Full PDB file with SEQRES, HELIX, SHEET, SSBOND, CRYST1, ORIGX, SCALE, CONECT and MASTER records, all heavy atoms in Angstrom:
SEQRES   1 A   35  HIS ARG GLN GLY ARG ALA LEU VAL CYS PRO VAL VAL PRO          
SEQRES   2 A   35  LEU GLY LEU HIS GLU ASP ILE THR ASP HIS LEU PRO ALA          
SEQRES   3 A   35  PRO PRO SER VAL ALA VAL PRO LEU ASP                          
HELIX    1 AA1 GLU A   18  THR A   21  1                                   4    
SHEET    1 AA1 2 ARG A   5  VAL A   8  0                                        
SHEET    2 AA1 2 VAL A  30  PRO A  33 -1                                        
CRYST1    1.000    1.000    1.000  90.00  90.00  90.00 P 1           1          
ORIGX1      1.000000  0.000000  0.000000        0.00000                         
ORIGX2      0.000000  1.000000  0.000000        0.00000                         
ORIGX3      0.000000  0.000000  1.000000        0.00000                         
SCALE1      1.000000  0.000000  0.000000        0.00000                         
SCALE2      0.000000  1.000000  0.000000        0.00000                         
SCALE3      0.000000  0.000000  1.000000        0.00000                         
ATOM      1  N   HIS A   1      13.003  -1.790  -3.795  1.00  0.00           N  
ATOM      2  CA  HIS A   1      12.690  -0.424  -4.367  1.00  0.00           C  
ATOM      3  C   HIS A   1      13.943   0.146  -5.037  1.00  0.00           C  
ATOM      4  O   HIS A   1      14.233  -0.081  -6.145  1.00  0.00           O  
ATOM      5  CB  HIS A   1      12.044   0.435  -3.288  1.00  0.00           C  
ATOM      6  CG  HIS A   1      11.606   1.784  -3.743  1.00  0.00           C  
ATOM      7  ND1 HIS A   1      10.861   1.975  -4.837  1.00  0.00           N  
ATOM      8  CD2 HIS A   1      11.738   2.974  -3.179  1.00  0.00           C  
ATOM      9  CE1 HIS A   1      10.537   3.222  -4.938  1.00  0.00           C  
ATOM     10  NE2 HIS A   1      11.059   3.941  -3.996  1.00  0.00           N  
ATOM     11  N   ARG A   2      14.634   0.902  -4.272  1.00  0.00           N  
ATOM     12  CA  ARG A   2      15.887   1.375  -4.640  1.00  0.00           C  
ATOM     13  C   ARG A   2      17.019   0.783  -3.701  1.00  0.00           C  
ATOM     14  O   ARG A   2      16.690   0.107  -2.807  1.00  0.00           O  
ATOM     15  CB  ARG A   2      16.001   2.920  -4.488  1.00  0.00           C  
ATOM     16  CG  ARG A   2      15.115   3.587  -5.528  1.00  0.00           C  
ATOM     17  CD  ARG A   2      15.130   5.070  -5.349  1.00  0.00           C  
ATOM     18  NE  ARG A   2      13.957   5.478  -4.563  1.00  0.00           N  
ATOM     19  CZ  ARG A   2      13.856   6.567  -3.870  1.00  0.00           C  
ATOM     20  NH1 ARG A   2      14.770   7.340  -3.665  1.00  0.00           N  
ATOM     21  NH2 ARG A   2      12.718   6.667  -3.219  1.00  0.00           N  
ATOM     22  N   GLN A   3      18.255   1.130  -4.082  1.00  0.00           N  
ATOM     23  CA  GLN A   3      19.359   0.578  -3.272  1.00  0.00           C  
ATOM     24  C   GLN A   3      19.108   0.790  -1.752  1.00  0.00           C  
ATOM     25  O   GLN A   3      18.963   1.958  -1.312  1.00  0.00           O  
ATOM     26  CB  GLN A   3      20.663   1.141  -3.626  1.00  0.00           C  
ATOM     27  CG  GLN A   3      21.836   0.699  -2.873  1.00  0.00           C  
ATOM     28  CD  GLN A   3      22.929   0.095  -3.825  1.00  0.00           C  
ATOM     29  OE1 GLN A   3      22.852   0.367  -4.974  1.00  0.00           O  
ATOM     30  NE2 GLN A   3      23.850  -0.501  -3.117  1.00  0.00           N  
ATOM     31  N   GLY A   4      19.042  -0.256  -0.955  1.00  0.00           N  
ATOM     32  CA  GLY A   4      18.841  -0.154   0.397  1.00  0.00           C  
ATOM     33  C   GLY A   4      17.502   0.123   0.900  1.00  0.00           C  
ATOM     34  O   GLY A   4      17.315   0.506   2.000  1.00  0.00           O  
ATOM     35  N   ARG A   5      16.488   0.076   0.021  1.00  0.00           N  
ATOM     36  CA  ARG A   5      15.103   0.487   0.372  1.00  0.00           C  
ATOM     37  C   ARG A   5      14.141  -0.582  -0.167  1.00  0.00           C  
ATOM     38  O   ARG A   5      14.366  -1.304  -1.092  1.00  0.00           O  
ATOM     39  CB  ARG A   5      14.750   1.818  -0.271  1.00  0.00           C  
ATOM     40  CG  ARG A   5      15.692   2.909  -0.099  1.00  0.00           C  
ATOM     41  CD  ARG A   5      15.733   3.680   1.147  1.00  0.00           C  
ATOM     42  NE  ARG A   5      14.581   4.453   1.375  1.00  0.00           N  
ATOM     43  CZ  ARG A   5      14.327   5.016   2.595  1.00  0.00           C  
ATOM     44  NH1 ARG A   5      15.102   4.641   3.629  1.00  0.00           N  
ATOM     45  NH2 ARG A   5      13.304   5.654   2.779  1.00  0.00           N  
ATOM     46  N   ALA A   6      12.971  -0.614   0.482  1.00  0.00           N  
ATOM     47  CA  ALA A   6      11.861  -1.424   0.015  1.00  0.00           C  
ATOM     48  C   ALA A   6      10.607  -0.522   0.082  1.00  0.00           C  
ATOM     49  O   ALA A   6      10.490   0.371   0.885  1.00  0.00           O  
ATOM     50  CB  ALA A   6      11.570  -2.649   0.974  1.00  0.00           C  
ATOM     51  N   LEU A   7       9.676  -0.785  -0.801  1.00  0.00           N  
ATOM     52  CA  LEU A   7       8.454  -0.102  -0.848  1.00  0.00           C  
ATOM     53  C   LEU A   7       7.405  -0.932  -0.232  1.00  0.00           C  
ATOM     54  O   LEU A   7       7.297  -2.151  -0.544  1.00  0.00           O  
ATOM     55  CB  LEU A   7       7.969   0.284  -2.273  1.00  0.00           C  
ATOM     56  CG  LEU A   7       6.858   1.144  -2.515  1.00  0.00           C  
ATOM     57  CD1 LEU A   7       7.140   2.456  -1.959  1.00  0.00           C  
ATOM     58  CD2 LEU A   7       6.513   1.286  -4.030  1.00  0.00           C  
ATOM     59  N   VAL A   8       6.601  -0.358   0.735  1.00  0.00           N  
ATOM     60  CA  VAL A   8       5.527  -1.060   1.382  1.00  0.00           C  
ATOM     61  C   VAL A   8       4.140  -0.445   0.949  1.00  0.00           C  
ATOM     62  O   VAL A   8       3.974   0.770   1.068  1.00  0.00           O  
ATOM     63  CB  VAL A   8       5.660  -0.831   2.907  1.00  0.00           C  
ATOM     64  CG1 VAL A   8       4.541  -1.591   3.693  1.00  0.00           C  
ATOM     65  CG2 VAL A   8       6.956  -1.296   3.364  1.00  0.00           C  
ATOM     66  N   CYS A   9       3.392  -1.323   0.374  1.00  0.00           N  
ATOM     67  CA  CYS A   9       2.118  -0.838  -0.192  1.00  0.00           C  
ATOM     68  C   CYS A   9       0.960  -1.648   0.421  1.00  0.00           C  
ATOM     69  O   CYS A   9       0.920  -2.860   0.469  1.00  0.00           O  
ATOM     70  CB  CYS A   9       2.054  -1.142  -1.693  1.00  0.00           C  
ATOM     71  SG  CYS A   9       3.378  -0.321  -2.645  1.00  0.00           S  
ATOM     72  N   PRO A  10      -0.082  -1.018   1.022  1.00  0.00           N  
ATOM     73  CA  PRO A  10      -1.238  -1.640   1.523  1.00  0.00           C  
ATOM     74  C   PRO A  10      -2.045  -2.298   0.395  1.00  0.00           C  
ATOM     75  O   PRO A  10      -2.114  -1.722  -0.722  1.00  0.00           O  
ATOM     76  CB  PRO A  10      -2.069  -0.512   2.160  1.00  0.00           C  
ATOM     77  CG  PRO A  10      -1.142   0.637   2.303  1.00  0.00           C  
ATOM     78  CD  PRO A  10      -0.124   0.450   1.247  1.00  0.00           C  
ATOM     79  N   VAL A  11      -2.676  -3.438   0.604  1.00  0.00           N  
ATOM     80  CA  VAL A  11      -3.421  -4.183  -0.381  1.00  0.00           C  
ATOM     81  C   VAL A  11      -4.820  -4.248   0.094  1.00  0.00           C  
ATOM     82  O   VAL A  11      -5.149  -4.413   1.246  1.00  0.00           O  
ATOM     83  CB  VAL A  11      -2.803  -5.608  -0.467  1.00  0.00           C  
ATOM     84  CG1 VAL A  11      -3.667  -6.454  -1.478  1.00  0.00           C  
ATOM     85  CG2 VAL A  11      -1.379  -5.556  -1.011  1.00  0.00           C  
ATOM     86  N   VAL A  12      -5.771  -4.065  -0.809  1.00  0.00           N  
ATOM     87  CA  VAL A  12      -7.166  -4.147  -0.548  1.00  0.00           C  
ATOM     88  C   VAL A  12      -7.469  -5.517  -0.093  1.00  0.00           C  
ATOM     89  O   VAL A  12      -7.126  -6.565  -0.828  1.00  0.00           O  
ATOM     90  CB  VAL A  12      -8.080  -3.844  -1.758  1.00  0.00           C  
ATOM     91  CG1 VAL A  12      -9.533  -4.086  -1.434  1.00  0.00           C  
ATOM     92  CG2 VAL A  12      -7.847  -2.399  -2.226  1.00  0.00           C  
ATOM     93  N   PRO A  13      -7.994  -5.807   1.149  1.00  0.00           N  
ATOM     94  CA  PRO A  13      -8.224  -7.163   1.683  1.00  0.00           C  
ATOM     95  C   PRO A  13      -9.232  -7.854   0.768  1.00  0.00           C  
ATOM     96  O   PRO A  13     -10.174  -7.303   0.208  1.00  0.00           O  
ATOM     97  CB  PRO A  13      -8.702  -6.972   3.079  1.00  0.00           C  
ATOM     98  CG  PRO A  13      -8.258  -5.578   3.464  1.00  0.00           C  
ATOM     99  CD  PRO A  13      -8.287  -4.817   2.159  1.00  0.00           C  
ATOM    100  N   LEU A  14      -9.073  -9.141   0.748  1.00  0.00           N  
ATOM    101  CA  LEU A  14     -10.126  -9.954  -0.007  1.00  0.00           C  
ATOM    102  C   LEU A  14     -11.426  -9.753   0.595  1.00  0.00           C  
ATOM    103  O   LEU A  14     -11.546  -9.644   1.869  1.00  0.00           O  
ATOM    104  CB  LEU A  14      -9.713 -11.451  -0.016  1.00  0.00           C  
ATOM    105  CG  LEU A  14      -8.448 -11.791  -0.743  1.00  0.00           C  
ATOM    106  CD1 LEU A  14      -8.035 -13.243  -0.615  1.00  0.00           C  
ATOM    107  CD2 LEU A  14      -8.479 -11.439  -2.210  1.00  0.00           C  
ATOM    108  N   GLY A  15     -12.505  -9.799  -0.137  1.00  0.00           N  
ATOM    109  CA  GLY A  15     -13.838  -9.547   0.375  1.00  0.00           C  
ATOM    110  C   GLY A  15     -14.237  -8.100   0.229  1.00  0.00           C  
ATOM    111  O   GLY A  15     -15.482  -7.850   0.423  1.00  0.00           O  
ATOM    112  N   LEU A  16     -13.356  -7.193   0.054  1.00  0.00           N  
ATOM    113  CA  LEU A  16     -13.760  -5.768  -0.140  1.00  0.00           C  
ATOM    114  C   LEU A  16     -13.574  -5.507  -1.662  1.00  0.00           C  
ATOM    115  O   LEU A  16     -12.573  -5.819  -2.275  1.00  0.00           O  
ATOM    116  CB  LEU A  16     -12.802  -4.883   0.654  1.00  0.00           C  
ATOM    117  CG  LEU A  16     -13.041  -4.880   2.156  1.00  0.00           C  
ATOM    118  CD1 LEU A  16     -11.990  -3.937   2.805  1.00  0.00           C  
ATOM    119  CD2 LEU A  16     -14.446  -4.411   2.487  1.00  0.00           C  
ATOM    120  N   HIS A  17     -14.582  -4.824  -2.192  1.00  0.00           N  
ATOM    121  CA  HIS A  17     -14.557  -4.499  -3.628  1.00  0.00           C  
ATOM    122  C   HIS A  17     -14.048  -3.108  -3.844  1.00  0.00           C  
ATOM    123  O   HIS A  17     -14.283  -2.209  -3.021  1.00  0.00           O  
ATOM    124  CB  HIS A  17     -16.025  -4.629  -4.182  1.00  0.00           C  
ATOM    125  CG  HIS A  17     -15.941  -4.629  -5.644  1.00  0.00           C  
ATOM    126  ND1 HIS A  17     -16.089  -3.608  -6.460  1.00  0.00           N  
ATOM    127  CD2 HIS A  17     -15.933  -5.695  -6.498  1.00  0.00           C  
ATOM    128  CE1 HIS A  17     -15.995  -3.901  -7.703  1.00  0.00           C  
ATOM    129  NE2 HIS A  17     -16.008  -5.210  -7.757  1.00  0.00           N  
ATOM    130  N   GLU A  18     -13.394  -2.899  -4.967  1.00  0.00           N  
ATOM    131  CA  GLU A  18     -12.877  -1.519  -5.349  1.00  0.00           C  
ATOM    132  C   GLU A  18     -13.965  -0.509  -5.410  1.00  0.00           C  
ATOM    133  O   GLU A  18     -13.595   0.724  -5.233  1.00  0.00           O  
ATOM    134  CB  GLU A  18     -12.021  -1.628  -6.547  1.00  0.00           C  
ATOM    135  CG  GLU A  18     -10.724  -2.336  -6.449  1.00  0.00           C  
ATOM    136  CD  GLU A  18     -10.808  -3.849  -6.618  1.00  0.00           C  
ATOM    137  OE1 GLU A  18     -11.866  -4.300  -6.913  1.00  0.00           O  
ATOM    138  OE2 GLU A  18      -9.763  -4.481  -6.497  1.00  0.00           O  
ATOM    139  N   ASP A  19     -15.176  -0.904  -5.695  1.00  0.00           N  
ATOM    140  CA  ASP A  19     -16.279   0.101  -5.715  1.00  0.00           C  
ATOM    141  C   ASP A  19     -16.377   0.827  -4.412  1.00  0.00           C  
ATOM    142  O   ASP A  19     -16.770   1.988  -4.286  1.00  0.00           O  
ATOM    143  CB  ASP A  19     -17.627  -0.532  -6.076  1.00  0.00           C  
ATOM    144  CG  ASP A  19     -17.662  -0.898  -7.564  1.00  0.00           C  
ATOM    145  OD1 ASP A  19     -16.852  -0.438  -8.320  1.00  0.00           O  
ATOM    146  OD2 ASP A  19     -18.602  -1.709  -7.920  1.00  0.00           O  
ATOM    147  N   ILE A  20     -16.032   0.150  -3.271  1.00  0.00           N  
ATOM    148  CA  ILE A  20     -16.111   0.727  -1.939  1.00  0.00           C  
ATOM    149  C   ILE A  20     -14.804   1.473  -1.661  1.00  0.00           C  
ATOM    150  O   ILE A  20     -14.747   2.632  -1.221  1.00  0.00           O  
ATOM    151  CB  ILE A  20     -16.403  -0.299  -0.905  1.00  0.00           C  
ATOM    152  CG1 ILE A  20     -17.878  -0.742  -1.104  1.00  0.00           C  
ATOM    153  CG2 ILE A  20     -16.249   0.239   0.538  1.00  0.00           C  
ATOM    154  CD1 ILE A  20     -18.229  -1.922  -0.312  1.00  0.00           C  
ATOM    155  N   THR A  21     -13.660   0.792  -1.877  1.00  0.00           N  
ATOM    156  CA  THR A  21     -12.461   1.370  -1.469  1.00  0.00           C  
ATOM    157  C   THR A  21     -11.920   2.501  -2.326  1.00  0.00           C  
ATOM    158  O   THR A  21     -11.253   3.447  -1.797  1.00  0.00           O  
ATOM    159  CB  THR A  21     -11.276   0.290  -1.457  1.00  0.00           C  
ATOM    160  OG1 THR A  21     -11.178  -0.227  -2.809  1.00  0.00           O  
ATOM    161  CG2 THR A  21     -11.590  -0.847  -0.481  1.00  0.00           C  
ATOM    162  N   ASP A  22     -12.431   2.638  -3.527  1.00  0.00           N  
ATOM    163  CA  ASP A  22     -12.139   3.777  -4.334  1.00  0.00           C  
ATOM    164  C   ASP A  22     -12.708   5.116  -3.838  1.00  0.00           C  
ATOM    165  O   ASP A  22     -12.259   6.160  -4.217  1.00  0.00           O  
ATOM    166  CB  ASP A  22     -12.603   3.583  -5.847  1.00  0.00           C  
ATOM    167  CG  ASP A  22     -11.636   2.738  -6.605  1.00  0.00           C  
ATOM    168  OD1 ASP A  22     -10.507   2.400  -6.117  1.00  0.00           O  
ATOM    169  OD2 ASP A  22     -11.957   2.274  -7.685  1.00  0.00           O  
ATOM    170  N   HIS A  23     -13.683   4.979  -2.977  1.00  0.00           N  
ATOM    171  CA  HIS A  23     -14.423   6.169  -2.471  1.00  0.00           C  
ATOM    172  C   HIS A  23     -13.853   6.546  -1.082  1.00  0.00           C  
ATOM    173  O   HIS A  23     -14.501   7.453  -0.379  1.00  0.00           O  
ATOM    174  CB  HIS A  23     -15.899   5.943  -2.379  1.00  0.00           C  
ATOM    175  CG  HIS A  23     -16.428   5.793  -3.803  1.00  0.00           C  
ATOM    176  ND1 HIS A  23     -16.669   6.860  -4.653  1.00  0.00           N  
ATOM    177  CD2 HIS A  23     -16.875   4.691  -4.461  1.00  0.00           C  
ATOM    178  CE1 HIS A  23     -17.094   6.332  -5.786  1.00  0.00           C  
ATOM    179  NE2 HIS A  23     -17.303   5.039  -5.714  1.00  0.00           N  
ATOM    180  N   LEU A  24     -12.868   5.873  -0.585  1.00  0.00           N  
ATOM    181  CA  LEU A  24     -12.275   6.174   0.694  1.00  0.00           C  
ATOM    182  C   LEU A  24     -10.807   6.607   0.508  1.00  0.00           C  
ATOM    183  O   LEU A  24     -10.163   6.224  -0.418  1.00  0.00           O  
ATOM    184  CB  LEU A  24     -12.288   4.871   1.594  1.00  0.00           C  
ATOM    185  CG  LEU A  24     -13.645   4.343   1.913  1.00  0.00           C  
ATOM    186  CD1 LEU A  24     -13.486   3.017   2.648  1.00  0.00           C  
ATOM    187  CD2 LEU A  24     -14.414   5.309   2.847  1.00  0.00           C  
ATOM    188  N   PRO A  25     -10.302   7.443   1.382  1.00  0.00           N  
ATOM    189  CA  PRO A  25      -8.920   7.837   1.306  1.00  0.00           C  
ATOM    190  C   PRO A  25      -7.998   6.544   1.453  1.00  0.00           C  
ATOM    191  O   PRO A  25      -8.210   5.702   2.254  1.00  0.00           O  
ATOM    192  CB  PRO A  25      -8.706   8.771   2.470  1.00  0.00           C  
ATOM    193  CG  PRO A  25     -10.057   9.168   2.903  1.00  0.00           C  
ATOM    194  CD  PRO A  25     -10.988   8.090   2.526  1.00  0.00           C  
ATOM    195  N   ALA A  26      -7.098   6.429   0.464  1.00  0.00           N  
ATOM    196  CA  ALA A  26      -6.217   5.298   0.377  1.00  0.00           C  
ATOM    197  C   ALA A  26      -5.115   5.454   1.478  1.00  0.00           C  
ATOM    198  O   ALA A  26      -4.659   6.542   1.739  1.00  0.00           O  
ATOM    199  CB  ALA A  26      -5.566   5.178  -0.973  1.00  0.00           C  
ATOM    200  N   PRO A  27      -4.772   4.428   2.104  1.00  0.00           N  
ATOM    201  CA  PRO A  27      -3.625   4.446   3.078  1.00  0.00           C  
ATOM    202  C   PRO A  27      -2.326   4.626   2.328  1.00  0.00           C  
ATOM    203  O   PRO A  27      -2.255   4.279   1.107  1.00  0.00           O  
ATOM    204  CB  PRO A  27      -3.629   3.037   3.735  1.00  0.00           C  
ATOM    205  CG  PRO A  27      -4.610   2.204   3.005  1.00  0.00           C  
ATOM    206  CD  PRO A  27      -5.368   3.048   2.073  1.00  0.00           C  
ATOM    207  N   PRO A  28      -1.351   5.272   2.933  1.00  0.00           N  
ATOM    208  CA  PRO A  28      -0.081   5.543   2.272  1.00  0.00           C  
ATOM    209  C   PRO A  28       0.780   4.368   1.908  1.00  0.00           C  
ATOM    210  O   PRO A  28       0.837   3.336   2.651  1.00  0.00           O  
ATOM    211  CB  PRO A  28       0.653   6.541   3.205  1.00  0.00           C  
ATOM    212  CG  PRO A  28       0.132   6.125   4.546  1.00  0.00           C  
ATOM    213  CD  PRO A  28      -1.273   5.662   4.382  1.00  0.00           C  
ATOM    214  N   SER A  29       1.477   4.473   0.929  1.00  0.00           N  
ATOM    215  CA  SER A  29       2.618   3.571   0.500  1.00  0.00           C  
ATOM    216  C   SER A  29       3.887   4.311   1.017  1.00  0.00           C  
ATOM    217  O   SER A  29       4.018   5.508   0.767  1.00  0.00           O  
ATOM    218  CB  SER A  29       2.662   3.257  -0.987  1.00  0.00           C  
ATOM    219  OG  SER A  29       1.567   2.464  -1.309  1.00  0.00           O  
ATOM    220  N   VAL A  30       4.809   3.576   1.636  1.00  0.00           N  
ATOM    221  CA  VAL A  30       6.040   4.294   2.086  1.00  0.00           C  
ATOM    222  C   VAL A  30       7.261   3.383   1.737  1.00  0.00           C  
ATOM    223  O   VAL A  30       7.239   2.211   1.584  1.00  0.00           O  
ATOM    224  CB  VAL A  30       5.983   4.541   3.670  1.00  0.00           C  
ATOM    225  CG1 VAL A  30       4.845   5.405   4.001  1.00  0.00           C  
ATOM    226  CG2 VAL A  30       5.926   3.189   4.413  1.00  0.00           C  
ATOM    227  N   ALA A  31       8.373   4.105   1.564  1.00  0.00           N  
ATOM    228  CA  ALA A  31       9.594   3.471   1.373  1.00  0.00           C  
ATOM    229  C   ALA A  31      10.235   3.273   2.765  1.00  0.00           C  
ATOM    230  O   ALA A  31      10.160   4.182   3.671  1.00  0.00           O  
ATOM    231  CB  ALA A  31      10.590   4.303   0.540  1.00  0.00           C  
ATOM    232  N   VAL A  32      10.877   2.077   2.979  1.00  0.00           N  
ATOM    233  CA  VAL A  32      11.483   1.768   4.277  1.00  0.00           C  
ATOM    234  C   VAL A  32      12.853   1.296   4.060  1.00  0.00           C  
ATOM    235  O   VAL A  32      13.193   0.721   2.932  1.00  0.00           O  
ATOM    236  CB  VAL A  32      10.697   0.672   4.982  1.00  0.00           C  
ATOM    237  CG1 VAL A  32       9.257   1.170   5.374  1.00  0.00           C  
ATOM    238  CG2 VAL A  32      10.595  -0.676   4.242  1.00  0.00           C  
ATOM    239  N   PRO A  33      13.740   1.450   5.059  1.00  0.00           N  
ATOM    240  CA  PRO A  33      15.091   0.939   4.898  1.00  0.00           C  
ATOM    241  C   PRO A  33      15.126  -0.558   4.994  1.00  0.00           C  
ATOM    242  O   PRO A  33      14.157  -1.195   5.534  1.00  0.00           O  
ATOM    243  CB  PRO A  33      15.880   1.526   6.037  1.00  0.00           C  
ATOM    244  CG  PRO A  33      14.821   1.951   7.065  1.00  0.00           C  
ATOM    245  CD  PRO A  33      13.575   2.199   6.308  1.00  0.00           C  
ATOM    246  N   LEU A  34      16.062  -1.163   4.439  1.00  0.00           N  
ATOM    247  CA  LEU A  34      16.216  -2.718   4.444  1.00  0.00           C  
ATOM    248  C   LEU A  34      16.679  -3.175   5.842  1.00  0.00           C  
ATOM    249  O   LEU A  34      17.265  -4.274   5.909  1.00  0.00           O  
ATOM    250  CB  LEU A  34      17.038  -3.177   3.335  1.00  0.00           C  
ATOM    251  CG  LEU A  34      16.395  -3.108   1.933  1.00  0.00           C  
ATOM    252  CD1 LEU A  34      17.423  -3.688   0.901  1.00  0.00           C  
ATOM    253  CD2 LEU A  34      15.134  -3.847   1.949  1.00  0.00           C  
ATOM    254  N   ASP A  35      16.543  -2.436   6.851  1.00  0.00           N  
ATOM    255  CA  ASP A  35      16.854  -2.785   8.247  1.00  0.00           C  
ATOM    256  C   ASP A  35      15.450  -3.243   8.846  1.00  0.00           C  
ATOM    257  O   ASP A  35      14.583  -2.399   8.907  1.00  0.00           O  
ATOM    258  CB  ASP A  35      17.448  -1.632   8.993  1.00  0.00           C  
ATOM    259  CG  ASP A  35      17.673  -1.929  10.450  1.00  0.00           C  
ATOM    260  OD1 ASP A  35      16.622  -2.092  11.125  1.00  0.00           O  
ATOM    261  OD2 ASP A  35      18.771  -1.991  10.899  1.00  0.00           O  
TER     262      ASP A  35                                                      
MASTER        0    0    0    1    2    0    0    6  261    1    0    3          
END                                                                             
């Protein structure tokens, strides 16, 4: 991501279609330290 950071993003699992997941609150993406 940025210096000393990584971005963690949840991925829609295989077998689930976006037609379903688009109607649910998305889990957050967060920046984490490289520790």
